[in-house]
Amino acid sequence: MYGTLNFYDDETHVRIYSTTELSALLEQNNFTVIKKGTRRNWYYIFLMPVRIIQSLVTYKKIVGSVFWDILGFAEFVYARKR
């Protein structure tokens, strides 16, 4: 979908790392993982109808990022340096 990042768009990408793998890597490098998971921003989910209209007005199409939070497209890892 337009506006969505795709792993295969960049031929230098080797693989996708899970939040578990990234957390382990961070912990091995003196970080404390505070939280990890799938991004579910209820503010963005609630405003999805408005964001769809904004996308249509701005880009003349619906961009993929409008659906990230409801579909679980984006994941995150929050960590703090020890």
C-alpha atoms as a PDB file:
ATOM      1  CA  MET A   1       0.000   0.000   0.000  1.00  0.00           C
ATOM      2  CA  TYR A   2       1.238   3.501  -0.799  1.00  0.00           C
ATOM      3  CA  GLY A   3       3.220   4.983   2.090  1.00  0.00           C
ATOM      4  CA  THR A   4       3.989   1.636   3.721  1.00  0.00           C
ATOM      5  CA  LEU A   5       7.550   0.547   4.288  1.00  0.00           C
ATOM      6  CA  ASN A   6       8.340  -2.802   2.741  1.00  0.00           C
ATOM      7  CA  PHE A   7      11.318  -4.975   3.682  1.00  0.00           C
ATOM      8  CA  TYR A   8      11.810  -5.944   0.036  1.00  0.00           C
ATOM      9  CA  ASP A   9      11.963  -2.333  -1.204  1.00  0.00           C
ATOM     10  CA  ASP A  10      15.657  -2.216  -0.195  1.00  0.00           C
ATOM     11  CA  GLU A  11      17.831  -4.992  -1.625  1.00  0.00           C
ATOM     12  CA  THR A  12      20.445  -4.451   1.125  1.00  0.00           C
ATOM     13  CA  HIS A  13      18.016  -5.697   3.783  1.00  0.00           C
ATOM     14  CA  VAL A  14      19.156  -9.089   4.992  1.00  0.00           C
ATOM     15  CA  ARG A  15      16.417 -10.089   7.420  1.00  0.00           C
ATOM     16  CA  ILE A  16      13.768  -8.822   9.823  1.00  0.00           C
ATOM     17  CA  TYR A  17      14.605  -8.892  13.529  1.00  0.00           C
ATOM     18  CA  SER A  18      11.979  -9.647  16.154  1.00  0.00           C
ATOM     19  CA  THR A  19      11.500  -7.471  19.213  1.00  0.00           C
ATOM     20  CA  THR A  20      12.824 -10.400  21.270  1.00  0.00           C
ATOM     21  CA  GLU A  21      16.057 -10.501  19.249  1.00  0.00           C
ATOM     22  CA  LEU A  22      16.469  -6.721  19.422  1.00  0.00           C
ATOM     23  CA  SER A  23      15.817  -6.752  23.170  1.00  0.00           C
ATOM     24  CA  ALA A  24      18.487  -9.425  23.692  1.00  0.00           C
ATOM     25  CA  LEU A  25      20.983  -7.438  21.611  1.00  0.00           C
ATOM     26  CA  LEU A  26      20.273  -4.279  23.596  1.00  0.00           C
ATOM     27  CA  GLU A  27      20.638  -6.098  26.921  1.00  0.00           C
ATOM     28  CA  GLN A  28      23.986  -7.555  25.781  1.00  0.00           C
ATOM     29  CA  ASN A  29      25.128  -3.975  25.119  1.00  0.00           C
ATOM     30  CA  ASN A  30      24.368  -2.523  28.540  1.00  0.00           C
ATOM     31  CA  PHE A  31      20.741  -1.478  28.039  1.00  0.00           C
ATOM     32  CA  THR A  32      17.719  -2.271  30.160  1.00  0.00           C
ATOM     33  CA  VAL A  33      14.621  -3.037  28.105  1.00  0.00           C
ATOM     34  CA  ILE A  34      11.717  -1.093  29.572  1.00  0.00           C
ATOM     35  CA  LYS A  35       8.949  -2.214  27.247  1.00  0.00           C
ATOM     36  CA  LYS A  36       8.460  -3.939  23.896  1.00  0.00           C
ATOM     37  CA  GLY A  37       5.524  -4.956  21.774  1.00  0.00           C
ATOM     38  CA  THR A  38       3.151  -4.022  18.998  1.00  0.00           C
ATOM     39  CA  ARG A  39       2.249  -0.365  18.718  1.00  0.00           C
ATOM     40  CA  ARG A  40      -1.450   0.221  19.422  1.00  0.00           C
ATOM     41  CA  ASN A  41      -1.922   3.955  19.749  1.00  0.00           C
ATOM     42  CA  TRP A  42      -5.602   4.336  20.643  1.00  0.00           C
ATOM     43  CA  TYR A  43      -5.467   8.036  19.760  1.00  0.00           C
ATOM     44  CA  TYR A  44      -4.544   7.147  16.153  1.00  0.00           C
ATOM     45  CA  ILE A  45      -7.087   4.314  16.062  1.00  0.00           C
ATOM     46  CA  PHE A  46      -9.853   6.626  17.300  1.00  0.00           C
ATOM     47  CA  LEU A  47      -8.872   9.290  14.738  1.00  0.00           C
ATOM     48  CA  MET A  48      -8.585   6.834  11.836  1.00  0.00           C
ATOM     49  CA  PRO A  49     -11.644   8.207   9.972  1.00  0.00           C
ATOM     50  CA  VAL A  50     -10.182  11.722  10.169  1.00  0.00           C
ATOM     51  CA  ARG A  51      -6.752  10.447   9.119  1.00  0.00           C
ATOM     52  CA  ILE A  52      -8.298   8.698   6.090  1.00  0.00           C
ATOM     53  CA  ILE A  53      -9.918  11.965   4.973  1.00  0.00           C
ATOM     54  CA  GLN A  54      -6.686  13.884   5.612  1.00  0.00           C
ATOM     55  CA  SER A  55      -4.751  11.340   3.553  1.00  0.00           C
ATOM     56  CA  LEU A  56      -7.215  11.595   0.666  1.00  0.00           C
ATOM     57  CA  VAL A  57      -7.046  15.402   0.701  1.00  0.00           C
ATOM     58  CA  THR A  58      -3.253  15.552   1.052  1.00  0.00           C
ATOM     59  CA  TYR A  59      -2.105  12.630  -1.119  1.00  0.00           C
ATOM     60  CA  LYS A  60      -5.220  11.875  -3.208  1.00  0.00           C
ATOM     61  CA  LYS A  61      -5.049   8.294  -1.860  1.00  0.00           C
ATOM     62  CA  ILE A  62      -5.084   6.515   1.476  1.00  0.00           C
ATOM     63  CA  VAL A  63      -1.573   5.933   2.810  1.00  0.00           C
ATOM     64  CA  GLY A  64      -0.756   2.711   4.611  1.00  0.00           C
ATOM     65  CA  SER A  65       0.389   4.353   7.845  1.00  0.00           C
ATOM     66  CA  VAL A  66      -3.251   5.232   8.598  1.00  0.00           C
ATOM     67  CA  PHE A  67      -3.845   1.535   9.391  1.00  0.00           C
ATOM     68  CA  TRP A  68      -0.607   0.677  11.239  1.00  0.00           C
ATOM     69  CA  ASP A  69      -2.033   0.878  14.744  1.00  0.00           C
ATOM     70  CA  ILE A  70      -5.222  -1.065  14.111  1.00  0.00           C
ATOM     71  CA  LEU A  71      -3.471  -3.800  12.100  1.00  0.00           C
ATOM     72  CA  GLY A  72      -0.401  -4.125  14.331  1.00  0.00           C
ATOM     73  CA  PHE A  73       2.065  -3.230  11.586  1.00  0.00           C
ATOM     74  CA  ALA A  74       4.581  -1.397  13.792  1.00  0.00           C
ATOM     75  CA  GLU A  75       6.508  -2.852  16.721  1.00  0.00           C
ATOM     76  CA  PHE A  76       8.710  -1.072  19.249  1.00  0.00           C
ATOM     77  CA  VAL A  77      11.405  -1.590  21.872  1.00  0.00           C
ATOM     78  CA  TYR A  78      12.010   1.044  24.574  1.00  0.00           C
ATOM     79  CA  ALA A  79      15.382   0.701  26.296  1.00  0.00           C
ATOM     80  CA  ARG A  80      17.537   2.752  28.651  1.00  0.00           C
ATOM     81  CA  LYS A  81      21.338   2.767  28.783  1.00  0.00           C
ATOM     82  CA  ARG A  82      22.584   1.403  32.135  1.00  0.00           C
END
